[in-house]
Amino acid sequence: MGSDALTEPADATLLDPDEAEGLKLPWVATRVDLNAAESQNIIDAVTWLSGLRLRPDDVLDVEFLRRVHRRMFGDVWTWAGMLRSTERNIGIDPSQINFQMRLLLDDVPHWISDTGPHRWSNDEVAARFHHRLVWIHPFPNGNGRLGRLATDLLLRSMGEESFSWGRTGLDAVGGTRARYIAALRAADGGEFEDLRAFVRS
């Protein structure tokens, strides 16, 4: 595959050469090909997930999240479901991924079970879970898509409706994606208002 074939949007995660070598499908030669292959793989994963009856504890498990990622991308990439071991233009140092994932997956049950006067709503819990998961960026690629699907699974496990995520595709460069990225960046600084508004817009 030529170096121009998989050009990414400026704000998207770039694959390093070793991970690009993990492409399983020799017929993929363009971004359109790759998008089609990944989209079909994700549809298959969503179909599989629709048959599962999940509790929050099921979703808040690193092995389950790895399995979901593998289901989403395993027909396309050899590294699907494997935690990231290389630096990225976004995300934490890979040596901290296991520790930060444990922290996140331990924190969320406390957020859900809190009965104090300042208890977060389920939407707030889900938005903060999504932000932290994307901030960690545990996988080589597909973190936004995994993060959105996992967040919707968490909402479903709590008896809530999935987020609308701006109602249009977030994988293409455009105004909706720009709003999403800006909301995540604001949340990096502790400001969650834009993210809360975006996920239900």
C-alpha atoms as a PDB file:
ATOM      1  CA  MET A   1       0.000   0.000   0.000  1.00  0.00           C
ATOM      2  CA  GLY A   2       1.417   3.402  -0.936  1.00  0.00           C
ATOM      3  CA  SER A   3       2.204   5.954   1.745  1.00  0.00           C
ATOM      4  CA  ASP A   4      -0.564   8.258   0.455  1.00  0.00           C
ATOM      5  CA  ALA A   5      -3.241   5.573   0.434  1.00  0.00           C
ATOM      6  CA  LEU A   6      -4.158   5.868   4.107  1.00  0.00           C
ATOM      7  CA  THR A   7      -3.837   9.609   4.649  1.00  0.00           C
ATOM      8  CA  GLU A   8      -5.513  10.534   7.952  1.00  0.00           C
ATOM      9  CA  PRO A   9      -7.338  13.706   8.986  1.00  0.00           C
ATOM     10  CA  ALA A  10      -4.999  16.087  10.816  1.00  0.00           C
ATOM     11  CA  ASP A  11      -6.577  15.259  14.203  1.00  0.00           C
ATOM     12  CA  ALA A  12      -6.653  11.482  13.716  1.00  0.00           C
ATOM     13  CA  THR A  13      -4.218   8.977  15.180  1.00  0.00           C
ATOM     14  CA  LEU A  14      -1.460   7.974  12.777  1.00  0.00           C
ATOM     15  CA  LEU A  15      -0.366   4.359  12.562  1.00  0.00           C
ATOM     16  CA  ASP A  16       3.319   3.642  12.789  1.00  0.00           C
ATOM     17  CA  PRO A  17       4.822   1.496   9.980  1.00  0.00           C
ATOM     18  CA  ASP A  18       4.824  -1.688  12.085  1.00  0.00           C
ATOM     19  CA  GLU A  19       1.093  -1.381  12.806  1.00  0.00           C
ATOM     20  CA  ALA A  20       0.268  -0.521   9.197  1.00  0.00           C
ATOM     21  CA  GLU A  21       1.937  -3.839   8.402  1.00  0.00           C
ATOM     22  CA  GLY A  22      -0.826  -5.492  10.431  1.00  0.00           C
ATOM     23  CA  LEU A  23      -3.410  -4.964   7.693  1.00  0.00           C
ATOM     24  CA  LYS A  24      -5.009  -8.345   6.967  1.00  0.00           C
ATOM     25  CA  LEU A  25      -6.757  -7.470   3.710  1.00  0.00           C
ATOM     26  CA  PRO A  26      -4.527  -7.299   0.622  1.00  0.00           C
ATOM     27  CA  TRP A  27      -7.315  -5.729  -1.457  1.00  0.00           C
ATOM     28  CA  VAL A  28      -7.349  -2.576   0.709  1.00  0.00           C
ATOM     29  CA  ALA A  29      -5.506   0.053  -1.319  1.00  0.00           C
ATOM     30  CA  THR A  30      -7.293   3.325  -0.456  1.00  0.00           C
ATOM     31  CA  ARG A  31      -8.900   5.089   2.494  1.00  0.00           C
ATOM     32  CA  VAL A  32     -12.304   4.305   0.937  1.00  0.00           C
ATOM     33  CA  ASP A  33     -11.429   0.584   0.919  1.00  0.00           C
ATOM     34  CA  LEU A  34     -10.258   0.712   4.520  1.00  0.00           C
ATOM     35  CA  ASN A  35     -13.338   2.621   5.690  1.00  0.00           C
ATOM     36  CA  ALA A  36     -15.606   0.069   4.001  1.00  0.00           C
ATOM     37  CA  ALA A  37     -13.772  -2.881   5.556  1.00  0.00           C
ATOM     38  CA  GLU A  38     -13.717  -1.359   9.037  1.00  0.00           C
ATOM     39  CA  SER A  39     -17.356  -0.262   8.800  1.00  0.00           C
ATOM     40  CA  GLN A  40     -18.496  -3.795   7.977  1.00  0.00           C
ATOM     41  CA  ASN A  41     -16.384  -5.204  10.805  1.00  0.00           C
ATOM     42  CA  ILE A  42     -17.936  -2.692  13.243  1.00  0.00           C
ATOM     43  CA  ILE A  43     -21.464  -3.539  12.049  1.00  0.00           C
ATOM     44  CA  ASP A  44     -20.704  -7.208  12.764  1.00  0.00           C
ATOM     45  CA  ALA A  45     -19.441  -6.264  16.253  1.00  0.00           C
ATOM     46  CA  VAL A  46     -22.563  -4.217  17.013  1.00  0.00           C
ATOM     47  CA  THR A  47     -24.736  -7.150  15.893  1.00  0.00           C
ATOM     48  CA  TRP A  48     -22.832  -9.446  18.261  1.00  0.00           C
ATOM     49  CA  LEU A  49     -23.138  -6.948  21.121  1.00  0.00           C
ATOM     50  CA  SER A  50     -26.878  -6.465  20.574  1.00  0.00           C
ATOM     51  CA  GLY A  51     -27.435 -10.049  21.732  1.00  0.00           C
ATOM     52  CA  LEU A  52     -25.610  -9.573  25.038  1.00  0.00           C
ATOM     53  CA  ARG A  53     -27.331  -8.665  28.292  1.00  0.00           C
ATOM     54  CA  LEU A  54     -24.792  -6.436  30.027  1.00  0.00           C
ATOM     55  CA  ARG A  55     -24.373  -5.025  33.517  1.00  0.00           C
ATOM     56  CA  PRO A  56     -22.048  -2.068  34.208  1.00  0.00           C
ATOM     57  CA  ASP A  57     -19.444  -4.441  35.684  1.00  0.00           C
ATOM     58  CA  ASP A  58     -19.382  -6.363  32.398  1.00  0.00           C
ATOM     59  CA  VAL A  59     -18.514  -3.224  30.429  1.00  0.00           C
ATOM     60  CA  LEU A  60     -16.038  -1.952  33.037  1.00  0.00           C
ATOM     61  CA  ASP A  61     -13.558  -4.742  32.436  1.00  0.00           C
ATOM     62  CA  VAL A  62     -10.377  -4.339  30.410  1.00  0.00           C
ATOM     63  CA  GLU A  63     -10.637  -7.820  28.930  1.00  0.00           C
ATOM     64  CA  PHE A  64     -14.186  -7.103  27.765  1.00  0.00           C
ATOM     65  CA  LEU A  65     -13.056  -3.818  26.155  1.00  0.00           C
ATOM     66  CA  ARG A  66     -10.194  -5.648  24.435  1.00  0.00           C
ATOM     67  CA  ARG A  67     -12.673  -8.230  23.183  1.00  0.00           C
ATOM     68  CA  VAL A  68     -14.978  -5.507  21.840  1.00  0.00           C
ATOM     69  CA  HIS A  69     -12.057  -3.811  20.076  1.00  0.00           C
ATOM     70  CA  ARG A  70     -11.060  -7.171  18.580  1.00  0.00           C
ATOM     71  CA  ARG A  71     -14.641  -7.705  17.401  1.00  0.00           C
ATOM     72  CA  MET A  72     -14.685  -4.223  15.858  1.00  0.00           C
ATOM     73  CA  PHE A  73     -11.367  -4.426  14.016  1.00  0.00           C
ATOM     74  CA  GLY A  74     -10.146  -8.040  14.093  1.00  0.00           C
ATOM     75  CA  ASP A  75     -11.169  -8.848  10.517  1.00  0.00           C
ATOM     76  CA  VAL A  76      -9.036  -5.941   9.292  1.00  0.00           C
ATOM     77  CA  TRP A  77      -6.030  -5.594  11.630  1.00  0.00           C
ATOM     78  CA  THR A  78      -3.783  -8.159  13.318  1.00  0.00           C
ATOM     79  CA  TRP A  79      -3.305  -5.864  16.342  1.00  0.00           C
ATOM     80  CA  ALA A  80      -7.025  -5.528  17.122  1.00  0.00           C
ATOM     81  CA  GLY A  81      -7.637  -5.960  20.842  1.00  0.00           C
ATOM     82  CA  MET A  82      -3.969  -5.447  21.754  1.00  0.00           C
ATOM     83  CA  LEU A  83      -3.091  -2.580  24.054  1.00  0.00           C
ATOM     84  CA  ARG A  84      -0.883   0.093  22.529  1.00  0.00           C
ATOM     85  CA  SER A  85       2.882  -0.187  23.075  1.00  0.00           C
ATOM     86  CA  THR A  86       4.021   2.863  21.075  1.00  0.00           C
ATOM     87  CA  GLU A  87       3.748   6.636  21.481  1.00  0.00           C
ATOM     88  CA  ARG A  88       0.967   8.541  19.683  1.00  0.00           C
ATOM     89  CA  ASN A  89       0.285  12.179  18.870  1.00  0.00           C
ATOM     90  CA  ILE A  90      -2.445  11.885  21.536  1.00  0.00           C
ATOM     91  CA  GLY A  91      -2.836   9.573  24.509  1.00  0.00           C
ATOM     92  CA  ILE A  92      -0.767   8.795  27.551  1.00  0.00           C
ATOM     93  CA  ASP A  93       2.647   7.137  27.688  1.00  0.00           C
ATOM     94  CA  PRO A  94       2.069   3.475  26.760  1.00  0.00           C
ATOM     95  CA  SER A  95       3.840   2.315  29.930  1.00  0.00           C
ATOM     96  CA  GLN A  96       0.970   3.901  31.926  1.00  0.00           C
ATOM     97  CA  ILE A  97      -1.948   2.363  29.996  1.00  0.00           C
ATOM     98  CA  ASN A  98      -2.527  -0.665  32.243  1.00  0.00           C
ATOM     99  CA  PHE A  99      -2.384   1.447  35.405  1.00  0.00           C
ATOM    100  CA  GLN A 100      -4.673   4.187  34.067  1.00  0.00           C
ATOM    101  CA  MET A 101      -7.165   1.659  32.698  1.00  0.00           C
ATOM    102  CA  ARG A 102      -7.381   0.017  36.130  1.00  0.00           C
ATOM    103  CA  LEU A 103      -7.934   3.421  37.741  1.00  0.00           C
ATOM    104  CA  LEU A 104     -10.692   4.330  35.293  1.00  0.00           C
ATOM    105  CA  LEU A 105     -12.468   0.985  35.519  1.00  0.00           C
ATOM    106  CA  ASP A 106     -12.281   1.148  39.341  1.00  0.00           C
ATOM    107  CA  ASP A 107     -13.517   4.766  39.462  1.00  0.00           C
ATOM    108  CA  VAL A 108     -16.669   4.363  37.368  1.00  0.00           C
ATOM    109  CA  PRO A 109     -18.507   1.948  39.726  1.00  0.00           C
ATOM    110  CA  HIS A 110     -18.003   4.489  42.521  1.00  0.00           C
ATOM    111  CA  TRP A 111     -19.411   7.255  40.311  1.00  0.00           C
ATOM    112  CA  ILE A 112     -22.439   5.075  39.568  1.00  0.00           C
ATOM    113  CA  SER A 113     -23.074   3.981  43.167  1.00  0.00           C
ATOM    114  CA  ASP A 114     -22.499   7.382  44.800  1.00  0.00           C
ATOM    115  CA  THR A 115     -25.635   8.391  46.725  1.00  0.00           C
ATOM    116  CA  GLY A 116     -24.369  11.756  47.954  1.00  0.00           C
ATOM    117  CA  PRO A 117     -26.026  15.099  47.213  1.00  0.00           C
ATOM    118  CA  HIS A 118     -23.611  15.805  44.368  1.00  0.00           C
ATOM    119  CA  ARG A 119     -24.035  12.438  42.642  1.00  0.00           C
ATOM    120  CA  TRP A 120     -23.430  12.617  38.911  1.00  0.00           C
ATOM    121  CA  SER A 121     -26.237  11.707  36.534  1.00  0.00           C
ATOM    122  CA  ASN A 122     -25.771   8.603  34.391  1.00  0.00           C
ATOM    123  CA  ASP A 123     -25.115  10.909  31.422  1.00  0.00           C
ATOM    124  CA  GLU A 124     -22.356  12.666  33.367  1.00  0.00           C
ATOM    125  CA  VAL A 125     -20.817   9.342  34.397  1.00  0.00           C
ATOM    126  CA  ALA A 126     -20.890   8.125  30.781  1.00  0.00           C
ATOM    127  CA  ALA A 127     -19.431  11.362  29.372  1.00  0.00           C
ATOM    128  CA  ARG A 128     -16.580  11.283  31.897  1.00  0.00           C
ATOM    129  CA  PHE A 129     -15.952   7.584  31.212  1.00  0.00           C
ATOM    130  CA  HIS A 130     -15.773   8.336  27.495  1.00  0.00           C
ATOM    131  CA  HIS A 131     -13.387  11.233  27.978  1.00  0.00           C
ATOM    132  CA  ARG A 132     -10.982   9.256  30.192  1.00  0.00           C
ATOM    133  CA  LEU A 133     -11.005   6.250  27.875  1.00  0.00           C
ATOM    134  CA  VAL A 134     -10.187   8.392  24.836  1.00  0.00           C
ATOM    135  CA  TRP A 135      -7.604  10.361  26.851  1.00  0.00           C
ATOM    136  CA  ILE A 136      -5.828   7.089  27.742  1.00  0.00           C
ATOM    137  CA  HIS A 137      -6.005   5.973  24.083  1.00  0.00           C
ATOM    138  CA  PRO A 138      -5.351   2.333  24.960  1.00  0.00           C
ATOM    139  CA  PHE A 139      -5.299   0.854  21.435  1.00  0.00           C
ATOM    140  CA  PRO A 140      -3.139   1.553  18.386  1.00  0.00           C
ATOM    141  CA  ASN A 141      -6.153   2.964  16.523  1.00  0.00           C
ATOM    142  CA  GLY A 142      -9.951   3.024  16.673  1.00  0.00           C
ATOM    143  CA  ASN A 143     -10.022   4.553  20.167  1.00  0.00           C
ATOM    144  CA  GLY A 144     -12.749   7.097  19.402  1.00  0.00           C
ATOM    145  CA  ARG A 145     -14.974   4.478  17.805  1.00  0.00           C
ATOM    146  CA  LEU A 146     -14.324   1.986  20.611  1.00  0.00           C
ATOM    147  CA  GLY A 147     -14.856   4.740  23.179  1.00  0.00           C
ATOM    148  CA  ARG A 148     -18.223   5.743  21.723  1.00  0.00           C
ATOM    149  CA  LEU A 149     -19.438   2.166  21.459  1.00  0.00           C
ATOM    150  CA  ALA A 150     -18.235   1.272  24.971  1.00  0.00           C
ATOM    151  CA  THR A 151     -19.904   4.403  26.343  1.00  0.00           C
ATOM    152  CA  ASP A 152     -23.189   3.472  24.696  1.00  0.00           C
ATOM    153  CA  LEU A 153     -22.853  -0.043  26.136  1.00  0.00           C
ATOM    154  CA  LEU A 154     -22.313   1.454  29.600  1.00  0.00           C
ATOM    155  CA  LEU A 155     -25.412   3.622  29.176  1.00  0.00           C
ATOM    156  CA  ARG A 156     -27.423   0.619  27.996  1.00  0.00           C
ATOM    157  CA  SER A 157     -26.237  -1.412  30.998  1.00  0.00           C
ATOM    158  CA  MET A 158     -27.598   1.379  33.240  1.00  0.00           C
ATOM    159  CA  GLY A 159     -30.968   1.397  31.461  1.00  0.00           C
ATOM    160  CA  GLU A 160     -30.274   4.619  29.549  1.00  0.00           C
ATOM    161  CA  GLU A 161     -30.554   5.561  25.874  1.00  0.00           C
ATOM    162  CA  SER A 162     -27.361   5.717  23.829  1.00  0.00           C
ATOM    163  CA  PHE A 163     -25.798   9.114  23.180  1.00  0.00           C
ATOM    164  CA  SER A 164     -26.573  10.787  19.844  1.00  0.00           C
ATOM    165  CA  TRP A 165     -22.946  11.910  19.321  1.00  0.00           C
ATOM    166  CA  GLY A 166     -23.905  14.956  17.239  1.00  0.00           C
ATOM    167  CA  ARG A 167     -26.131  12.761  15.004  1.00  0.00           C
ATOM    168  CA  THR A 168     -23.626  12.577  12.129  1.00  0.00           C
ATOM    169  CA  GLY A 169     -20.517  10.544  11.396  1.00  0.00           C
ATOM    170  CA  LEU A 170     -17.517  11.555  13.471  1.00  0.00           C
ATOM    171  CA  ASP A 171     -14.904   9.725  11.443  1.00  0.00           C
ATOM    172  CA  ALA A 172     -14.781  12.283   8.622  1.00  0.00           C
ATOM    173  CA  VAL A 173     -13.244  15.754   8.860  1.00  0.00           C
ATOM    174  CA  GLY A 174     -15.997  18.328   9.320  1.00  0.00           C
ATOM    175  CA  GLY A 175     -17.865  20.570  11.714  1.00  0.00           C
ATOM    176  CA  THR A 176     -19.311  17.784  13.864  1.00  0.00           C
ATOM    177  CA  ARG A 177     -15.916  16.150  14.366  1.00  0.00           C
ATOM    178  CA  ALA A 178     -14.366  19.545  15.115  1.00  0.00           C
ATOM    179  CA  ARG A 179     -16.996  20.152  17.851  1.00  0.00           C
ATOM    180  CA  TYR A 180     -16.343  16.680  19.287  1.00  0.00           C
ATOM    181  CA  ILE A 181     -12.556  17.172  19.381  1.00  0.00           C
ATOM    182  CA  ALA A 182     -12.954  20.650  20.904  1.00  0.00           C
ATOM    183  CA  ALA A 183     -15.271  19.237  23.588  1.00  0.00           C
ATOM    184  CA  LEU A 184     -12.761  16.500  24.441  1.00  0.00           C
ATOM    185  CA  ARG A 185      -9.957  19.051  24.657  1.00  0.00           C
ATOM    186  CA  ALA A 186     -12.035  21.220  26.983  1.00  0.00           C
ATOM    187  CA  ALA A 187     -12.655  18.134  29.138  1.00  0.00           C
ATOM    188  CA  ASP A 188      -8.879  17.592  29.269  1.00  0.00           C
ATOM    189  CA  GLY A 189      -8.847  20.849  31.230  1.00  0.00           C
ATOM    190  CA  GLY A 190     -11.720  19.778  33.503  1.00  0.00           C
ATOM    191  CA  GLU A 191     -14.485  21.604  31.602  1.00  0.00           C
ATOM    192  CA  PHE A 192     -17.193  19.074  30.697  1.00  0.00           C
ATOM    193  CA  GLU A 193     -20.064  21.368  29.675  1.00  0.00           C
ATOM    194  CA  ASP A 194     -19.344  21.193  25.946  1.00  0.00           C
ATOM    195  CA  LEU A 195     -18.959  17.412  26.011  1.00  0.00           C
ATOM    196  CA  ARG A 196     -22.207  16.962  27.951  1.00  0.00           C
ATOM    197  CA  ALA A 197     -23.990  19.140  25.402  1.00  0.00           C
ATOM    198  CA  PHE A 198     -22.389  17.449  22.405  1.00  0.00           C
ATOM    199  CA  VAL A 199     -23.135  13.845  23.314  1.00  0.00           C
ATOM    200  CA  ARG A 200     -26.891  14.518  23.468  1.00  0.00           C
ATOM    201  CA  SER A 201     -27.001  16.957  20.516  1.00  0.00           C
END
